Amino acid sequence: MSWDSEKIHVAQTNHQRLDIYLSEIITRFSRSQLSKMTRDGLILINSIPAKPSSPIHEGDKITIRIPKVTELSLEIDNHPIEIIYEDNDMFVLNKPPNLPVHPGPGHDNKTLVNRLLGYSDKLSSIGGVVRPGIIHRLDKDTSGIIVIAKNDNSHRFLSLQFQKRTIKKVYTALVSGVPKPPERTITSPIGRDPNNRKRMTIMDDGKNAETTYSISEIIGNYSLLEVRPKTGRTHQIRVHLKSIGHPIVGDMLYGSKKIENLDRHFLHASSIELTMPSTKNEMEFFAPLATDLSEFLGTNR
């Protein structure tokens, strides 16, 4: 995907926050959209990725990266998708590893969205052309359950549950060592690492984050965990487990060494419980552990 860059030279300011300043001078994006673009690393101040709360000073140069509208037609990918559940409102899918959820810098078309377009033309429009139907995300190398909206009403209904944190998600993670205590809730705030924009880190002025884990099994020098994130920050589980000295096995971005016979981090979205858009019934869906992770466990047990 190609990107246009819009540059703004700050001539006068009252030392406002970035998101407030931009919302006053840019009308085609809402303040929440601008904040999200900032969190996604698409807005820079003096060539440095900014935060929505970053202060603006006279002489600052703001750069906004925007996907070229002429190139916002996505290729259709006819690779199969694994459907756990489907109705008129939504899909529940089992996402394979090594697959980004939607197009972005570095992966234009080989994404879950492209595969969805090859399967159905009934996807919500709220996420725009690049993110049709996308309510939440999984990291590229995280496998497991993801929910996709088929229409805008179901998208809003499901998104509200994520915002209110009423959706219950469970992940399976394998970590180095044996965490103590065997069950714990981690509440350290998370923000983007100023020294490495690809990483998140624990920081006092970060966003609140809450992750609960419990040990399911000890396998040699590893522990298999059931992990329940209350919030949904970027890389939250990976950062929280690294912060207590037990990084996810295979997660070299967050402290794990390279592991033989494992080509990615050992993290799988195992289940999700939510209220259905039409019936308003509570339902829980499960995704079996991905084959590569299951085989790795079998080798090490």
C-alpha atoms as a PDB file:
ATOM      1  CA  MET A   1       0.000   0.000   0.000  1.00  0.00           C
ATOM      2  CA  SER A   2       1.234   3.518  -0.835  1.00  0.00           C
ATOM      3  CA  TRP A   3       0.742   6.412   1.500  1.00  0.00           C
ATOM      4  CA  ASP A   4       0.225  10.156   1.085  1.00  0.00           C
ATOM      5  CA  SER A   5       1.831  12.452   3.616  1.00  0.00           C
ATOM      6  CA  GLU A   6       0.109  15.630   4.749  1.00  0.00           C
ATOM      7  CA  LYS A   7       2.438  18.082   6.458  1.00  0.00           C
ATOM      8  CA  ILE A   8       1.378  20.815   8.870  1.00  0.00           C
ATOM      9  CA  HIS A   9       3.707  23.557  10.131  1.00  0.00           C
ATOM     10  CA  VAL A  10       2.527  24.876  13.490  1.00  0.00           C
ATOM     11  CA  ALA A  11       2.683  28.675  13.313  1.00  0.00           C
ATOM     12  CA  GLN A  12       0.682  29.474  16.427  1.00  0.00           C
ATOM     13  CA  THR A  13      -0.641  27.403  19.301  1.00  0.00           C
ATOM     14  CA  ASN A  14      -1.830  27.579  22.885  1.00  0.00           C
ATOM     15  CA  HIS A  15       0.207  24.475  23.725  1.00  0.00           C
ATOM     16  CA  GLN A  16      -2.813  22.294  23.047  1.00  0.00           C
ATOM     17  CA  ARG A  17      -2.828  18.520  22.928  1.00  0.00           C
ATOM     18  CA  LEU A  18      -2.170  17.077  19.490  1.00  0.00           C
ATOM     19  CA  ASP A  19      -5.623  15.475  19.119  1.00  0.00           C
ATOM     20  CA  ILE A  20      -7.413  18.723  20.036  1.00  0.00           C
ATOM     21  CA  TYR A  21      -5.208  20.809  17.750  1.00  0.00           C
ATOM     22  CA  LEU A  22      -5.732  18.512  14.762  1.00  0.00           C
ATOM     23  CA  SER A  23      -9.485  18.169  15.307  1.00  0.00           C
ATOM     24  CA  GLU A  24      -9.775  21.966  15.057  1.00  0.00           C
ATOM     25  CA  ILE A  25      -7.933  22.267  11.747  1.00  0.00           C
ATOM     26  CA  ILE A  26      -8.814  18.957  10.041  1.00  0.00           C
ATOM     27  CA  THR A  27     -12.495  18.356   9.374  1.00  0.00           C
ATOM     28  CA  ARG A  28     -12.496  15.129   7.335  1.00  0.00           C
ATOM     29  CA  PHE A  29     -11.429  13.026  10.350  1.00  0.00           C
ATOM     30  CA  SER A  30     -13.116  12.934  13.746  1.00  0.00           C
ATOM     31  CA  ARG A  31     -11.096  13.456  16.915  1.00  0.00           C
ATOM     32  CA  SER A  32     -11.412   9.745  17.758  1.00  0.00           C
ATOM     33  CA  GLN A  33     -10.202   8.822  14.257  1.00  0.00           C
ATOM     34  CA  LEU A  34      -7.227  11.158  14.624  1.00  0.00           C
ATOM     35  CA  SER A  35      -6.438   9.665  18.036  1.00  0.00           C
ATOM     36  CA  LYS A  36      -6.522   6.162  16.572  1.00  0.00           C
ATOM     37  CA  MET A  37      -4.291   7.209  13.663  1.00  0.00           C
ATOM     38  CA  THR A  38      -1.863   8.611  16.232  1.00  0.00           C
ATOM     39  CA  ARG A  39      -1.867   5.390  18.257  1.00  0.00           C
ATOM     40  CA  ASP A  40      -1.271   3.450  15.024  1.00  0.00           C
ATOM     41  CA  GLY A  41       1.900   5.477  14.426  1.00  0.00           C
ATOM     42  CA  LEU A  42       0.513   7.401  11.438  1.00  0.00           C
ATOM     43  CA  ILE A  43       0.951  10.886  12.942  1.00  0.00           C
ATOM     44  CA  LEU A  44       4.393  12.246  13.751  1.00  0.00           C
ATOM     45  CA  ILE A  45       5.683  15.417  15.385  1.00  0.00           C
ATOM     46  CA  ASN A  46       9.094  16.447  14.098  1.00  0.00           C
ATOM     47  CA  SER A  47       9.494  12.964  12.552  1.00  0.00           C
ATOM     48  CA  ILE A  48       8.826  11.214  15.885  1.00  0.00           C
ATOM     49  CA  PRO A  49       5.629   9.129  16.389  1.00  0.00           C
ATOM     50  CA  ALA A  50       3.330  11.048  18.680  1.00  0.00           C
ATOM     51  CA  LYS A  51       0.631  10.393  21.263  1.00  0.00           C
ATOM     52  CA  PRO A  52      -2.852  11.943  21.180  1.00  0.00           C
ATOM     53  CA  SER A  53      -1.883  13.832  24.353  1.00  0.00           C
ATOM     54  CA  SER A  54       1.445  15.139  22.974  1.00  0.00           C
ATOM     55  CA  PRO A  55       1.710  18.930  23.421  1.00  0.00           C
ATOM     56  CA  ILE A  56       2.027  21.122  20.328  1.00  0.00           C
ATOM     57  CA  HIS A  57       4.546  23.959  20.167  1.00  0.00           C
ATOM     58  CA  GLU A  58       5.156  26.750  17.685  1.00  0.00           C
ATOM     59  CA  GLY A  59       7.511  25.579  14.944  1.00  0.00           C
ATOM     60  CA  ASP A  60       6.528  21.896  15.241  1.00  0.00           C
ATOM     61  CA  LYS A  61       6.167  19.980  12.001  1.00  0.00           C
ATOM     62  CA  ILE A  62       3.302  17.465  12.016  1.00  0.00           C
ATOM     63  CA  THR A  63       3.190  14.675   9.440  1.00  0.00           C
ATOM     64  CA  ILE A  64       0.030  12.649   8.819  1.00  0.00           C
ATOM     65  CA  ARG A  65       0.317   9.443   6.777  1.00  0.00           C
ATOM     66  CA  ILE A  66      -2.876   8.585   4.885  1.00  0.00           C
ATOM     67  CA  PRO A  67      -3.470   5.587   2.579  1.00  0.00           C
ATOM     68  CA  LYS A  68      -3.826   6.710  -1.025  1.00  0.00           C
ATOM     69  CA  VAL A  69      -7.504   6.666  -1.871  1.00  0.00           C
ATOM     70  CA  THR A  70      -6.819   5.518  -5.418  1.00  0.00           C
ATOM     71  CA  GLU A  71      -5.244   2.342  -4.087  1.00  0.00           C
ATOM     72  CA  LEU A  72      -7.865   1.384  -1.543  1.00  0.00           C
ATOM     73  CA  SER A  73      -9.191  -1.519  -3.582  1.00  0.00           C
ATOM     74  CA  LEU A  74      -8.080  -4.740  -1.959  1.00  0.00           C
ATOM     75  CA  GLU A  75      -7.158  -7.913  -3.731  1.00  0.00           C
ATOM     76  CA  ILE A  76      -9.370 -10.927  -3.156  1.00  0.00           C
ATOM     77  CA  ASP A  77      -7.618 -13.935  -1.660  1.00  0.00           C
ATOM     78  CA  ASN A  78      -9.382 -17.256  -2.136  1.00  0.00           C
ATOM     79  CA  HIS A  79      -7.448 -19.104   0.541  1.00  0.00           C
ATOM     80  CA  PRO A  80      -9.973 -20.842   2.807  1.00  0.00           C
ATOM     81  CA  ILE A  81     -10.953 -19.446   6.190  1.00  0.00           C
ATOM     82  CA  GLU A  82     -11.815 -21.647   9.164  1.00  0.00           C
ATOM     83  CA  ILE A  83     -15.316 -20.714  10.295  1.00  0.00           C
ATOM     84  CA  ILE A  84     -16.277 -21.687  13.833  1.00  0.00           C
ATOM     85  CA  TYR A  85     -19.675 -19.986  13.672  1.00  0.00           C
ATOM     86  CA  GLU A  86     -21.649 -17.894  11.172  1.00  0.00           C
ATOM     87  CA  ASP A  87     -25.067 -16.221  11.174  1.00  0.00           C
ATOM     88  CA  ASN A  88     -26.588 -13.136   9.540  1.00  0.00           C
ATOM     89  CA  ASP A  89     -24.735 -10.801  11.908  1.00  0.00           C
ATOM     90  CA  MET A  90     -21.244 -12.167  12.381  1.00  0.00           C
ATOM     91  CA  PHE A  91     -18.506 -14.694  11.813  1.00  0.00           C
ATOM     92  CA  VAL A  92     -16.396 -16.341  14.471  1.00  0.00           C
ATOM     93  CA  LEU A  93     -13.161 -17.482  12.834  1.00  0.00           C
ATOM     94  CA  ASN A  94     -10.078 -19.439  13.821  1.00  0.00           C
ATOM     95  CA  LYS A  95      -7.229 -17.274  12.521  1.00  0.00           C
ATOM     96  CA  PRO A  96      -4.050 -19.129  11.531  1.00  0.00           C
ATOM     97  CA  PRO A  97      -0.620 -17.844  12.582  1.00  0.00           C
ATOM     98  CA  ASN A  98       1.565 -15.715  10.310  1.00  0.00           C
ATOM     99  CA  LEU A  99      -1.460 -13.841   8.969  1.00  0.00           C
ATOM    100  CA  PRO A 100      -2.094 -10.125   9.644  1.00  0.00           C
ATOM    101  CA  VAL A 101      -5.726  -9.257  10.305  1.00  0.00           C
ATOM    102  CA  HIS A 102      -5.882  -6.301   7.890  1.00  0.00           C
ATOM    103  CA  PRO A 103      -3.650  -4.486   5.391  1.00  0.00           C
ATOM    104  CA  GLY A 104      -1.046  -2.076   6.670  1.00  0.00           C
ATOM    105  CA  PRO A 105       2.538  -1.008   6.022  1.00  0.00           C
ATOM    106  CA  GLY A 106       4.549  -4.072   5.013  1.00  0.00           C
ATOM    107  CA  HIS A 107       1.574  -6.328   4.280  1.00  0.00           C
ATOM    108  CA  ASP A 108      -0.760  -4.952   1.645  1.00  0.00           C
ATOM    109  CA  ASN A 109      -2.886  -7.886   0.586  1.00  0.00           C
ATOM    110  CA  LYS A 110      -1.960 -11.172   2.255  1.00  0.00           C
ATOM    111  CA  THR A 111      -4.262 -10.644   5.229  1.00  0.00           C
ATOM    112  CA  LEU A 112      -7.367 -12.092   6.846  1.00  0.00           C
ATOM    113  CA  VAL A 113      -9.432  -9.255   5.337  1.00  0.00           C
ATOM    114  CA  ASN A 114      -8.396 -10.303   1.826  1.00  0.00           C
ATOM    115  CA  ARG A 115      -9.486 -13.868   2.579  1.00  0.00           C
ATOM    116  CA  LEU A 116     -12.796 -12.607   3.970  1.00  0.00           C
ATOM    117  CA  LEU A 117     -13.414 -10.667   0.757  1.00  0.00           C
ATOM    118  CA  GLY A 118     -12.875 -13.894  -1.146  1.00  0.00           C
ATOM    119  CA  TYR A 119     -15.569 -15.576   0.932  1.00  0.00           C
ATOM    120  CA  SER A 120     -18.252 -12.937   1.488  1.00  0.00           C
ATOM    121  CA  ASP A 121     -19.358  -9.487   0.348  1.00  0.00           C
ATOM    122  CA  LYS A 122     -21.380  -9.062   3.544  1.00  0.00           C
ATOM    123  CA  LEU A 123     -19.011  -7.218   5.873  1.00  0.00           C
ATOM    124  CA  SER A 124     -19.666  -4.122   7.968  1.00  0.00           C
ATOM    125  CA  SER A 125     -18.466  -0.822   6.506  1.00  0.00           C
ATOM    126  CA  ILE A 126     -17.578   0.924   9.769  1.00  0.00           C
ATOM    127  CA  GLY A 127     -13.917  -0.068   9.545  1.00  0.00           C
ATOM    128  CA  GLY A 128     -13.633   1.446   6.074  1.00  0.00           C
ATOM    129  CA  VAL A 129     -12.236  -0.174   2.953  1.00  0.00           C
ATOM    130  CA  VAL A 130      -9.094  -1.491   4.636  1.00  0.00           C
ATOM    131  CA  ARG A 131     -10.798  -2.969   7.728  1.00  0.00           C
ATOM    132  CA  PRO A 132     -14.257  -4.199   6.683  1.00  0.00           C
ATOM    133  CA  GLY A 133     -15.912  -6.143   9.480  1.00  0.00           C
ATOM    134  CA  ILE A 134     -12.952  -5.806  11.832  1.00  0.00           C
ATOM    135  CA  ILE A 135     -14.005  -5.247  15.449  1.00  0.00           C
ATOM    136  CA  HIS A 136     -10.824  -6.352  17.227  1.00  0.00           C
ATOM    137  CA  ARG A 137      -7.444  -7.720  16.232  1.00  0.00           C
ATOM    138  CA  LEU A 138      -4.948 -10.455  16.912  1.00  0.00           C
ATOM    139  CA  ASP A 139      -1.224 -10.033  16.358  1.00  0.00           C
ATOM    140  CA  LYS A 140       0.075 -11.475  13.111  1.00  0.00           C
ATOM    141  CA  ASP A 141       1.643 -14.499  14.832  1.00  0.00           C
ATOM    142  CA  THR A 142      -1.160 -15.067  17.349  1.00  0.00           C
ATOM    143  CA  SER A 143      -3.602 -17.751  16.281  1.00  0.00           C
ATOM    144  CA  GLY A 144      -7.155 -18.380  17.385  1.00  0.00           C
ATOM    145  CA  ILE A 145     -10.579 -16.803  17.783  1.00  0.00           C
ATOM    146  CA  ILE A 146     -11.525 -13.551  16.114  1.00  0.00           C
ATOM    147  CA  VAL A 147     -15.010 -12.070  15.657  1.00  0.00           C
ATOM    148  CA  ILE A 148     -16.022 -10.358  12.393  1.00  0.00           C
ATOM    149  CA  ALA A 149     -19.137  -8.202  11.897  1.00  0.00           C
ATOM    150  CA  LYS A 150     -21.308  -8.661   8.807  1.00  0.00           C
ATOM    151  CA  ASN A 151     -23.256  -5.424   9.106  1.00  0.00           C
ATOM    152  CA  ASP A 152     -22.960  -2.041  10.777  1.00  0.00           C
ATOM    153  CA  ASN A 153     -25.590  -2.729  13.453  1.00  0.00           C
ATOM    154  CA  SER A 154     -23.843  -5.866  14.656  1.00  0.00           C
ATOM    155  CA  HIS A 155     -20.482  -4.057  14.439  1.00  0.00           C
ATOM    156  CA  ARG A 156     -21.710  -1.323  16.783  1.00  0.00           C
ATOM    157  CA  PHE A 157     -23.350  -3.828  19.141  1.00  0.00           C
ATOM    158  CA  LEU A 158     -20.240  -6.004  19.406  1.00  0.00           C
ATOM    159  CA  SER A 159     -17.844  -3.051  19.591  1.00  0.00           C
ATOM    160  CA  LEU A 160     -19.779  -1.676  22.554  1.00  0.00           C
ATOM    161  CA  GLN A 161     -19.202  -4.934  24.418  1.00  0.00           C
ATOM    162  CA  PHE A 162     -15.451  -4.613  23.829  1.00  0.00           C
ATOM    163  CA  GLN A 163     -15.563  -0.991  24.978  1.00  0.00           C
ATOM    164  CA  LYS A 164     -17.478  -1.923  28.135  1.00  0.00           C
ATOM    165  CA  ARG A 165     -15.163  -4.916  28.667  1.00  0.00           C
ATOM    166  CA  THR A 166     -18.033  -7.339  29.073  1.00  0.00           C
ATOM    167  CA  ILE A 167     -16.618  -9.771  26.509  1.00  0.00           C
ATOM    168  CA  LYS A 168     -14.640 -12.574  28.138  1.00  0.00           C
ATOM    169  CA  LYS A 169     -11.547 -13.765  26.289  1.00  0.00           C
ATOM    170  CA  VAL A 170      -9.224 -16.621  27.209  1.00  0.00           C
ATOM    171  CA  TYR A 171      -5.783 -17.206  25.720  1.00  0.00           C
ATOM    172  CA  THR A 172      -3.380 -20.115  26.012  1.00  0.00           C
ATOM    173  CA  ALA A 173       0.263 -19.119  26.480  1.00  0.00           C
ATOM    174  CA  LEU A 174       3.458 -21.047  27.133  1.00  0.00           C
ATOM    175  CA  VAL A 175       6.054 -19.098  29.109  1.00  0.00           C
ATOM    176  CA  SER A 176       9.615 -19.643  30.242  1.00  0.00           C
ATOM    177  CA  GLY A 177      10.001 -20.729  33.849  1.00  0.00           C
ATOM    178  CA  VAL A 178       7.334 -21.096  36.523  1.00  0.00           C
ATOM    179  CA  PRO A 179       5.526 -17.882  37.534  1.00  0.00           C
ATOM    180  CA  LYS A 180       4.965 -17.278  41.236  1.00  0.00           C
ATOM    181  CA  PRO A 181       2.365 -17.110  42.536  1.00  0.00           C
ATOM    182  CA  PRO A 182       0.668 -19.650  40.244  1.00  0.00           C
ATOM    183  CA  GLU A 183      -2.302 -17.300  39.788  1.00  0.00           C
ATOM    184  CA  ARG A 184      -2.049 -13.538  39.597  1.00  0.00           C
ATOM    185  CA  THR A 185      -3.555 -10.361  38.144  1.00  0.00           C
ATOM    186  CA  ILE A 186      -1.111  -7.901  36.550  1.00  0.00           C
ATOM    187  CA  THR A 187      -2.247  -4.276  36.362  1.00  0.00           C
ATOM    188  CA  SER A 188       0.846  -2.437  35.091  1.00  0.00           C
ATOM    189  CA  PRO A 189       0.020   0.379  32.608  1.00  0.00           C
ATOM    190  CA  ILE A 190       1.280  -0.039  29.046  1.00  0.00           C
ATOM    191  CA  GLY A 191       2.580   2.469  26.483  1.00  0.00           C
ATOM    192  CA  ARG A 192       4.684   2.477  23.346  1.00  0.00           C
ATOM    193  CA  ASP A 193       8.399   1.984  23.948  1.00  0.00           C
ATOM    194  CA  PRO A 194      10.105   5.318  23.110  1.00  0.00           C
ATOM    195  CA  ASN A 195      13.283   3.442  22.149  1.00  0.00           C
ATOM    196  CA  ASN A 196      11.608   0.914  19.837  1.00  0.00           C
ATOM    197  CA  ARG A 197       8.337   1.856  18.171  1.00  0.00           C
ATOM    198  CA  LYS A 198       7.589  -1.793  17.346  1.00  0.00           C
ATOM    199  CA  ARG A 199       7.394  -2.636  21.052  1.00  0.00           C
ATOM    200  CA  MET A 200       5.149  -1.725  23.930  1.00  0.00           C
ATOM    201  CA  THR A 201       6.433  -1.440  27.476  1.00  0.00           C
ATOM    202  CA  ILE A 202       5.402  -0.842  31.079  1.00  0.00           C
ATOM    203  CA  MET A 203       5.305   2.887  31.789  1.00  0.00           C
ATOM    204  CA  ASP A 204       3.774   5.034  34.530  1.00  0.00           C
ATOM    205  CA  ASP A 205       1.892   7.283  32.097  1.00  0.00           C
ATOM    206  CA  GLY A 206       0.723   4.393  29.915  1.00  0.00           C
ATOM    207  CA  LYS A 207      -2.833   3.133  29.508  1.00  0.00           C
ATOM    208  CA  ASN A 208      -4.378   1.024  32.226  1.00  0.00           C
ATOM    209  CA  ALA A 209      -4.150  -2.690  31.474  1.00  0.00           C
ATOM    210  CA  GLU A 210      -5.245  -5.789  33.366  1.00  0.00           C
ATOM    211  CA  THR A 211      -4.252  -9.402  32.728  1.00  0.00           C
ATOM    212  CA  THR A 212      -4.979 -12.434  34.895  1.00  0.00           C
ATOM    213  CA  TYR A 213      -3.100 -15.695  34.454  1.00  0.00           C
ATOM    214  CA  SER A 214      -3.208 -19.113  36.086  1.00  0.00           C
ATOM    215  CA  ILE A 215      -0.883 -22.073  35.565  1.00  0.00           C
ATOM    216  CA  SER A 216      -2.546 -25.018  33.832  1.00  0.00           C
ATOM    217  CA  GLU A 217       0.505 -27.272  33.585  1.00  0.00           C
ATOM    218  CA  ILE A 218       4.249 -27.224  34.220  1.00  0.00           C
ATOM    219  CA  ILE A 219       6.210 -28.803  31.370  1.00  0.00           C
ATOM    220  CA  GLY A 220       9.915 -29.019  32.163  1.00  0.00           C
ATOM    221  CA  ASN A 221      11.252 -25.453  32.147  1.00  0.00           C
ATOM    222  CA  TYR A 222       7.993 -24.102  30.736  1.00  0.00           C
ATOM    223  CA  SER A 223       4.576 -23.252  32.164  1.00  0.00           C
ATOM    224  CA  LEU A 224       1.334 -23.508  30.214  1.00  0.00           C
ATOM    225  CA  LEU A 225      -0.944 -20.647  31.249  1.00  0.00           C
ATOM    226  CA  GLU A 226      -4.602 -19.763  30.913  1.00  0.00           C
ATOM    227  CA  VAL A 227      -4.621 -15.999  30.397  1.00  0.00           C
ATOM    228  CA  ARG A 228      -7.630 -13.692  30.720  1.00  0.00           C
ATOM    229  CA  PRO A 229      -7.076 -10.106  29.573  1.00  0.00           C
ATOM    230  CA  LYS A 230      -9.591  -7.613  30.977  1.00  0.00           C
ATOM    231  CA  THR A 231      -8.396  -4.812  28.706  1.00  0.00           C
ATOM    232  CA  GLY A 232      -7.181  -5.059  25.120  1.00  0.00           C
ATOM    233  CA  ARG A 233      -3.980  -3.044  24.795  1.00  0.00           C
ATOM    234  CA  THR A 234      -1.532  -3.691  21.975  1.00  0.00           C
ATOM    235  CA  HIS A 235       0.733  -6.663  22.865  1.00  0.00           C
ATOM    236  CA  GLN A 236      -0.803  -6.604  26.359  1.00  0.00           C
ATOM    237  CA  ILE A 237      -0.352 -10.272  27.291  1.00  0.00           C
ATOM    238  CA  ARG A 238       3.150 -10.369  25.820  1.00  0.00           C
ATOM    239  CA  VAL A 239       4.249  -7.230  27.685  1.00  0.00           C
ATOM    240  CA  HIS A 240       2.687  -8.216  31.024  1.00  0.00           C
ATOM    241  CA  LEU A 241       4.213 -11.692  31.045  1.00  0.00           C
ATOM    242  CA  LYS A 242       7.632 -10.290  30.104  1.00  0.00           C
ATOM    243  CA  SER A 243       7.304  -7.738  32.914  1.00  0.00           C
ATOM    244  CA  ILE A 244       7.129 -10.491  35.553  1.00  0.00           C
ATOM    245  CA  GLY A 245      10.178 -12.254  34.125  1.00  0.00           C
ATOM    246  CA  HIS A 246       8.349 -14.982  32.198  1.00  0.00           C
ATOM    247  CA  PRO A 247       8.239 -14.069  28.498  1.00  0.00           C
ATOM    248  CA  ILE A 248       6.121 -16.078  26.101  1.00  0.00           C
ATOM    249  CA  VAL A 249       8.150 -18.873  24.535  1.00  0.00           C
ATOM    250  CA  GLY A 250       9.324 -17.878  21.058  1.00  0.00           C
ATOM    251  CA  ASP A 251       8.490 -14.192  21.520  1.00  0.00           C
ATOM    252  CA  MET A 252      11.848 -12.699  20.604  1.00  0.00           C
ATOM    253  CA  LEU A 253      10.446  -9.154  20.527  1.00  0.00           C
ATOM    254  CA  TYR A 254       9.787  -9.486  24.250  1.00  0.00           C
ATOM    255  CA  GLY A 255      12.752 -11.349  25.613  1.00  0.00           C
ATOM    256  CA  SER A 256      12.477 -14.985  24.544  1.00  0.00           C
ATOM    257  CA  LYS A 257      15.395 -16.697  22.859  1.00  0.00           C
ATOM    258  CA  LYS A 258      14.876 -18.397  19.504  1.00  0.00           C
ATOM    259  CA  ILE A 259      13.226 -21.760  20.081  1.00  0.00           C
ATOM    260  CA  GLU A 260      13.948 -24.829  17.982  1.00  0.00           C
ATOM    261  CA  ASN A 261      10.859 -26.241  16.232  1.00  0.00           C
ATOM    262  CA  LEU A 262       8.780 -23.145  16.985  1.00  0.00           C
ATOM    263  CA  ASP A 263       8.598 -20.379  14.385  1.00  0.00           C
ATOM    264  CA  ARG A 264       6.515 -17.880  16.363  1.00  0.00           C
ATOM    265  CA  HIS A 265       5.406 -16.939  19.857  1.00  0.00           C
ATOM    266  CA  PHE A 266       3.293 -19.478  21.742  1.00  0.00           C
ATOM    267  CA  LEU A 267       0.063 -17.520  22.122  1.00  0.00           C
ATOM    268  CA  HIS A 268      -3.392 -18.672  21.037  1.00  0.00           C
ATOM    269  CA  ALA A 269      -6.832 -17.078  21.484  1.00  0.00           C
ATOM    270  CA  SER A 270      -8.707 -20.093  22.840  1.00  0.00           C
ATOM    271  CA  SER A 271     -12.212 -18.850  23.571  1.00  0.00           C
ATOM    272  CA  ILE A 272     -14.516 -15.855  23.612  1.00  0.00           C
ATOM    273  CA  GLU A 273     -17.842 -15.308  25.389  1.00  0.00           C
ATOM    274  CA  LEU A 274     -20.192 -12.555  24.220  1.00  0.00           C
ATOM    275  CA  THR A 275     -23.802 -11.451  23.792  1.00  0.00           C
ATOM    276  CA  MET A 276     -25.202 -12.236  20.359  1.00  0.00           C
ATOM    277  CA  PRO A 277     -26.427  -9.207  18.354  1.00  0.00           C
ATOM    278  CA  SER A 278     -29.868 -10.550  17.364  1.00  0.00           C
ATOM    279  CA  THR A 279     -30.917 -13.008  20.075  1.00  0.00           C
ATOM    280  CA  LYS A 280     -29.116 -11.243  22.948  1.00  0.00           C
ATOM    281  CA  ASN A 281     -28.186 -14.698  24.237  1.00  0.00           C
ATOM    282  CA  GLU A 282     -24.794 -15.305  25.825  1.00  0.00           C
ATOM    283  CA  MET A 283     -22.651 -17.674  23.765  1.00  0.00           C
ATOM    284  CA  GLU A 284     -19.121 -18.997  24.121  1.00  0.00           C
ATOM    285  CA  PHE A 285     -16.941 -20.139  21.236  1.00  0.00           C
ATOM    286  CA  PHE A 286     -13.761 -22.211  21.281  1.00  0.00           C
ATOM    287  CA  ALA A 287     -10.803 -22.619  18.933  1.00  0.00           C
ATOM    288  CA  PRO A 288      -8.625 -25.724  19.338  1.00  0.00           C
ATOM    289  CA  LEU A 289      -4.935 -25.124  19.879  1.00  0.00           C
ATOM    290  CA  ALA A 290      -3.141 -24.535  16.575  1.00  0.00           C
ATOM    291  CA  THR A 291      -1.311 -27.549  15.150  1.00  0.00           C
ATOM    292  CA  ASP A 292       2.190 -26.106  15.444  1.00  0.00           C
ATOM    293  CA  LEU A 293       1.658 -25.266  19.122  1.00  0.00           C
ATOM    294  CA  SER A 294       0.062 -28.624  19.878  1.00  0.00           C
ATOM    295  CA  GLU A 295       2.974 -30.438  18.241  1.00  0.00           C
ATOM    296  CA  PHE A 296       5.491 -28.344  20.182  1.00  0.00           C
ATOM    297  CA  LEU A 297       3.783 -29.290  23.443  1.00  0.00           C
ATOM    298  CA  GLY A 298       3.779 -32.940  22.454  1.00  0.00           C
ATOM    299  CA  THR A 299       7.497 -32.844  21.773  1.00  0.00           C
ATOM    300  CA  ASN A 300       8.292 -31.265  25.139  1.00  0.00           C
ATOM    301  CA  ARG A 301       5.969 -33.201  27.434  1.00  0.00           C
END
